[in-house]
Amino acid sequence: MTDDTRARKPAAAADPKAREFLRNADPVLAQLIDARPDYPEEYRHRGLIHLQQLNHRAAKADLERFLKLEPNAPERHQVEQQLLLIERWKAGLN
């Protein structure tokens, strides 16, 4: 791993307590989504958790679902920026 790669990792990726919190939050959000699949906010939260876990594919799916369910969300610009960063990350792999 290069210094450049380490610099781009989210803080949660390096902090064991944060990783544990994220691991515990993910199944809770999954249960909430199962109970209310048309509630957009849980998709956004889970997408952000996936980003912290560097699970870009799952993050993209959840963030896109959030935008589909809540097209006029106040956080729309922020979520679009996060999706753009995911696309740039994917492009860098090729």
N, C-alpha and C. Protein backbone atom coordinates (compact mmCIF):
# COMPACT_ATOMS: atom_id res chain seq x y z
N MET A 1 0.85 -1.18 0.00
CA MET A 1 0.00 0.00 0.00
C MET A 1 0.90 1.23 0.00
N THR A 2 0.61 2.17 -0.88
CA THR A 2 1.42 3.38 -0.96
C THR A 2 0.92 4.42 0.01
N ASP A 3 1.75 5.44 0.25
CA ASP A 3 1.32 6.53 1.11
C ASP A 3 0.10 7.22 0.54
N ASP A 4 0.04 7.33 -0.81
CA ASP A 4 -1.09 7.97 -1.46
C ASP A 4 -2.38 7.20 -1.19
N THR A 5 -2.33 5.87 -1.23
CA THR A 5 -3.51 5.06 -0.96
C THR A 5 -3.95 5.22 0.47
N ARG A 6 -3.01 5.20 1.40
CA ARG A 6 -3.36 5.38 2.81
C ARG A 6 -4.01 6.74 3.05
N ALA A 7 -3.54 7.75 2.37
CA ALA A 7 -4.08 9.10 2.57
C ALA A 7 -5.54 9.18 2.15
N ARG A 8 -5.95 8.35 1.20
CA ARG A 8 -7.33 8.42 0.71
C ARG A 8 -8.28 7.56 1.51
N LYS A 9 -7.79 6.69 2.36
CA LYS A 9 -8.67 5.82 3.14
C LYS A 9 -9.46 6.63 4.16
N PRO A 10 -10.74 6.34 4.32
CA PRO A 10 -11.51 7.01 5.36
C PRO A 10 -10.95 6.69 6.74
N ALA A 11 -11.12 7.61 7.64
CA ALA A 11 -10.63 7.41 9.00
C ALA A 11 -11.18 6.14 9.61
N ALA A 12 -12.41 5.80 9.29
CA ALA A 12 -13.04 4.60 9.86
C ALA A 12 -12.33 3.33 9.42
N ALA A 13 -11.70 3.36 8.26
CA ALA A 13 -11.01 2.17 7.79
C ALA A 13 -9.81 1.84 8.66
N ALA A 14 -9.25 2.82 9.34
CA ALA A 14 -8.07 2.60 10.17
C ALA A 14 -8.39 2.45 11.65
N ASP A 15 -9.56 2.87 12.08
CA ASP A 15 -9.92 2.87 13.49
C ASP A 15 -10.73 1.62 13.84
N PRO A 16 -10.19 0.74 14.69
CA PRO A 16 -10.92 -0.50 15.02
C PRO A 16 -12.30 -0.27 15.63
N LYS A 17 -12.43 0.74 16.48
CA LYS A 17 -13.75 1.01 17.08
C LYS A 17 -14.74 1.47 16.03
N ALA A 18 -14.27 2.29 15.11
CA ALA A 18 -15.15 2.76 14.04
C ALA A 18 -15.56 1.59 13.14
N ARG A 19 -14.62 0.70 12.83
CA ARG A 19 -14.96 -0.48 12.01
C ARG A 19 -16.01 -1.32 12.69
N GLU A 20 -15.87 -1.50 14.00
CA GLU A 20 -16.86 -2.30 14.75
C GLU A 20 -18.22 -1.62 14.72
N PHE A 21 -18.25 -0.31 14.91
CA PHE A 21 -19.51 0.44 14.85
C PHE A 21 -20.17 0.26 13.49
N LEU A 22 -19.39 0.39 12.43
CA LEU A 22 -19.94 0.25 11.08
C LEU A 22 -20.46 -1.16 10.83
N ARG A 23 -19.72 -2.16 11.31
CA ARG A 23 -20.18 -3.55 11.15
C ARG A 23 -21.50 -3.76 11.87
N ASN A 24 -21.66 -3.15 13.03
CA ASN A 24 -22.90 -3.31 13.80
C ASN A 24 -24.05 -2.51 13.20
N ALA A 25 -23.75 -1.38 12.61
CA ALA A 25 -24.80 -0.53 12.05
C ALA A 25 -25.39 -1.11 10.77
N ASP A 26 -24.57 -1.78 9.99
CA ASP A 26 -25.02 -2.29 8.70
C ASP A 26 -26.21 -3.23 8.82
N PRO A 27 -26.19 -4.25 9.71
CA PRO A 27 -27.37 -5.13 9.80
C PRO A 27 -28.61 -4.42 10.35
N VAL A 28 -28.40 -3.43 11.20
CA VAL A 28 -29.55 -2.67 11.73
C VAL A 28 -30.22 -1.91 10.59
N LEU A 29 -29.42 -1.26 9.77
CA LEU A 29 -29.98 -0.54 8.63
C LEU A 29 -30.64 -1.50 7.65
N ALA A 30 -30.07 -2.67 7.46
CA ALA A 30 -30.68 -3.67 6.58
C ALA A 30 -32.07 -4.07 7.09
N GLN A 31 -32.20 -4.23 8.40
CA GLN A 31 -33.51 -4.56 8.98
C GLN A 31 -34.50 -3.41 8.78
N LEU A 32 -34.03 -2.19 8.97
CA LEU A 32 -34.91 -1.04 8.76
C LEU A 32 -35.36 -0.95 7.31
N ILE A 33 -34.45 -1.22 6.39
CA ILE A 33 -34.80 -1.19 4.97
C ILE A 33 -35.78 -2.31 4.63
N ASP A 34 -35.57 -3.47 5.21
CA ASP A 34 -36.51 -4.58 5.00
C ASP A 34 -37.91 -4.21 5.50
N ALA A 35 -37.96 -3.51 6.62
CA ALA A 35 -39.25 -3.13 7.21
C ALA A 35 -39.91 -2.01 6.43
N ARG A 36 -39.11 -1.08 5.89
CA ARG A 36 -39.64 0.08 5.17
C ARG A 36 -38.81 0.34 3.92
N PRO A 37 -38.97 -0.47 2.88
CA PRO A 37 -38.10 -0.35 1.70
C PRO A 37 -38.27 0.94 0.92
N ASP A 38 -39.35 1.67 1.15
CA ASP A 38 -39.56 2.92 0.43
C ASP A 38 -39.14 4.14 1.24
N TYR A 39 -38.46 3.93 2.35
CA TYR A 39 -37.98 5.04 3.18
C TYR A 39 -36.55 5.37 2.74
N PRO A 40 -36.32 6.52 2.10
CA PRO A 40 -35.04 6.79 1.45
C PRO A 40 -33.85 7.00 2.38
N GLU A 41 -34.08 7.58 3.52
CA GLU A 41 -32.96 8.00 4.38
C GLU A 41 -32.08 6.83 4.81
N GLU A 42 -32.68 5.67 5.02
CA GLU A 42 -31.89 4.51 5.46
C GLU A 42 -30.93 4.06 4.36
N TYR A 43 -31.33 4.21 3.10
CA TYR A 43 -30.44 3.88 1.99
C TYR A 43 -29.23 4.81 1.98
N ARG A 44 -29.48 6.08 2.24
CA ARG A 44 -28.37 7.03 2.26
C ARG A 44 -27.40 6.69 3.39
N HIS A 45 -27.95 6.42 4.56
CA HIS A 45 -27.09 6.08 5.69
C HIS A 45 -26.28 4.81 5.42
N ARG A 46 -26.95 3.79 4.88
CA ARG A 46 -26.23 2.56 4.60
C ARG A 46 -25.20 2.76 3.49
N GLY A 47 -25.54 3.59 2.51
CA GLY A 47 -24.57 3.90 1.45
C GLY A 47 -23.32 4.57 2.01
N LEU A 48 -23.51 5.47 2.96
CA LEU A 48 -22.36 6.14 3.57
C LEU A 48 -21.53 5.16 4.38
N ILE A 49 -22.19 4.21 5.03
CA ILE A 49 -21.45 3.17 5.76
C ILE A 49 -20.64 2.33 4.78
N HIS A 50 -21.25 1.96 3.67
CA HIS A 50 -20.52 1.19 2.67
C HIS A 50 -19.31 1.97 2.15
N LEU A 51 -19.46 3.28 1.99
CA LEU A 51 -18.31 4.08 1.56
C LEU A 51 -17.19 4.03 2.59
N GLN A 52 -17.54 4.15 3.85
CA GLN A 52 -16.53 4.07 4.91
C GLN A 52 -15.84 2.71 4.93
N GLN A 53 -16.57 1.67 4.53
CA GLN A 53 -16.01 0.32 4.49
C GLN A 53 -15.30 0.04 3.16
N LEU A 54 -15.26 1.04 2.30
CA LEU A 54 -14.65 0.93 0.97
C LEU A 54 -15.35 -0.10 0.09
N ASN A 55 -16.64 -0.29 0.34
CA ASN A 55 -17.47 -1.17 -0.47
C ASN A 55 -18.22 -0.29 -1.47
N HIS A 56 -17.52 0.08 -2.53
CA HIS A 56 -18.04 1.08 -3.46
C HIS A 56 -19.25 0.61 -4.24
N ARG A 57 -19.29 -0.65 -4.61
CA ARG A 57 -20.43 -1.15 -5.39
C ARG A 57 -21.73 -1.05 -4.58
N ALA A 58 -21.68 -1.49 -3.32
CA ALA A 58 -22.87 -1.43 -2.47
C ALA A 58 -23.23 0.02 -2.16
N ALA A 59 -22.22 0.86 -1.95
CA ALA A 59 -22.47 2.28 -1.68
C ALA A 59 -23.19 2.92 -2.86
N LYS A 60 -22.70 2.64 -4.05
CA LYS A 60 -23.31 3.21 -5.26
C LYS A 60 -24.78 2.79 -5.38
N ALA A 61 -25.04 1.51 -5.17
CA ALA A 61 -26.42 1.02 -5.28
C ALA A 61 -27.34 1.70 -4.28
N ASP A 62 -26.89 1.81 -3.04
CA ASP A 62 -27.74 2.44 -2.01
C ASP A 62 -27.92 3.93 -2.25
N LEU A 63 -26.86 4.62 -2.65
CA LEU A 63 -26.98 6.06 -2.88
C LEU A 63 -27.86 6.34 -4.10
N GLU A 64 -27.76 5.52 -5.12
CA GLU A 64 -28.64 5.68 -6.28
C GLU A 64 -30.09 5.41 -5.90
N ARG A 65 -30.32 4.41 -5.07
CA ARG A 65 -31.69 4.11 -4.61
C ARG A 65 -32.24 5.29 -3.81
N PHE A 66 -31.41 5.88 -2.95
CA PHE A 66 -31.82 7.06 -2.18
C PHE A 66 -32.29 8.16 -3.13
N LEU A 67 -31.49 8.45 -4.17
CA LEU A 67 -31.86 9.53 -5.10
C LEU A 67 -33.13 9.19 -5.87
N LYS A 68 -33.33 7.92 -6.18
CA LYS A 68 -34.56 7.52 -6.88
C LYS A 68 -35.78 7.74 -6.00
N LEU A 69 -35.64 7.40 -4.72
CA LEU A 69 -36.77 7.54 -3.80
C LEU A 69 -36.99 9.00 -3.36
N GLU A 70 -35.94 9.78 -3.35
CA GLU A 70 -36.01 11.16 -2.85
C GLU A 70 -35.31 12.10 -3.83
N PRO A 71 -35.88 12.29 -5.04
CA PRO A 71 -35.18 13.07 -6.07
C PRO A 71 -34.94 14.53 -5.70
N ASN A 72 -35.73 15.08 -4.81
CA ASN A 72 -35.56 16.48 -4.42
C ASN A 72 -34.95 16.63 -3.03
N ALA A 73 -34.20 15.63 -2.61
CA ALA A 73 -33.60 15.66 -1.27
C ALA A 73 -32.64 16.83 -1.12
N PRO A 74 -32.63 17.45 0.05
CA PRO A 74 -31.68 18.54 0.29
C PRO A 74 -30.22 18.07 0.16
N GLU A 75 -29.99 16.78 0.39
CA GLU A 75 -28.64 16.23 0.32
C GLU A 75 -28.28 15.77 -1.10
N ARG A 76 -29.13 16.04 -2.06
CA ARG A 76 -28.93 15.53 -3.42
C ARG A 76 -27.54 15.86 -3.96
N HIS A 77 -27.14 17.10 -3.85
CA HIS A 77 -25.84 17.50 -4.40
C HIS A 77 -24.71 16.71 -3.74
N GLN A 78 -24.76 16.57 -2.43
CA GLN A 78 -23.73 15.83 -1.69
C GLN A 78 -23.70 14.37 -2.15
N VAL A 79 -24.85 13.76 -2.29
CA VAL A 79 -24.92 12.36 -2.72
C VAL A 79 -24.40 12.22 -4.15
N GLU A 80 -24.75 13.16 -5.02
CA GLU A 80 -24.25 13.12 -6.40
C GLU A 80 -22.73 13.24 -6.41
N GLN A 81 -22.17 14.06 -5.53
CA GLN A 81 -20.71 14.19 -5.43
C GLN A 81 -20.08 12.87 -4.98
N GLN A 82 -20.72 12.20 -4.04
CA GLN A 82 -20.21 10.92 -3.57
C GLN A 82 -20.25 9.88 -4.69
N LEU A 83 -21.32 9.88 -5.47
CA LEU A 83 -21.41 8.97 -6.61
C LEU A 83 -20.34 9.28 -7.66
N LEU A 84 -20.08 10.55 -7.87
CA LEU A 84 -19.03 10.95 -8.81
C LEU A 84 -17.66 10.45 -8.33
N LEU A 85 -17.40 10.57 -7.04
CA LEU A 85 -16.13 10.06 -6.50
C LEU A 85 -16.01 8.56 -6.68
N ILE A 86 -17.11 7.84 -6.51
CA ILE A 86 -17.09 6.39 -6.74
C ILE A 86 -16.74 6.09 -8.20
N GLU A 87 -17.34 6.83 -9.12
CA GLU A 87 -17.06 6.63 -10.55
C GLU A 87 -15.60 6.94 -10.85
N ARG A 88 -15.06 7.99 -10.26
CA ARG A 88 -13.65 8.33 -10.47
C ARG A 88 -12.75 7.24 -9.90
N TRP A 89 -13.13 6.68 -8.75
CA TRP A 89 -12.35 5.61 -8.16
C TRP A 89 -12.35 4.40 -9.08
N LYS A 90 -13.53 4.06 -9.61
CA LYS A 90 -13.63 2.92 -10.52
C LYS A 90 -12.81 3.15 -11.77
N ALA A 91 -12.83 4.36 -12.30
CA ALA A 91 -12.07 4.69 -13.50
C ALA A 91 -10.57 4.55 -13.24
N GLY A 92 -10.15 4.85 -12.04
CA GLY A 92 -8.74 4.73 -11.69
C GLY A 92 -8.26 3.29 -11.61
N LEU A 93 -9.19 2.35 -11.48
CA LEU A 93 -8.83 0.94 -11.42
C LEU A 93 -8.53 0.38 -12.80
N ASN A 94 -9.07 1.02 -13.83
CA ASN A 94 -8.89 0.51 -15.20
C ASN A 94 -7.63 1.05 -15.82
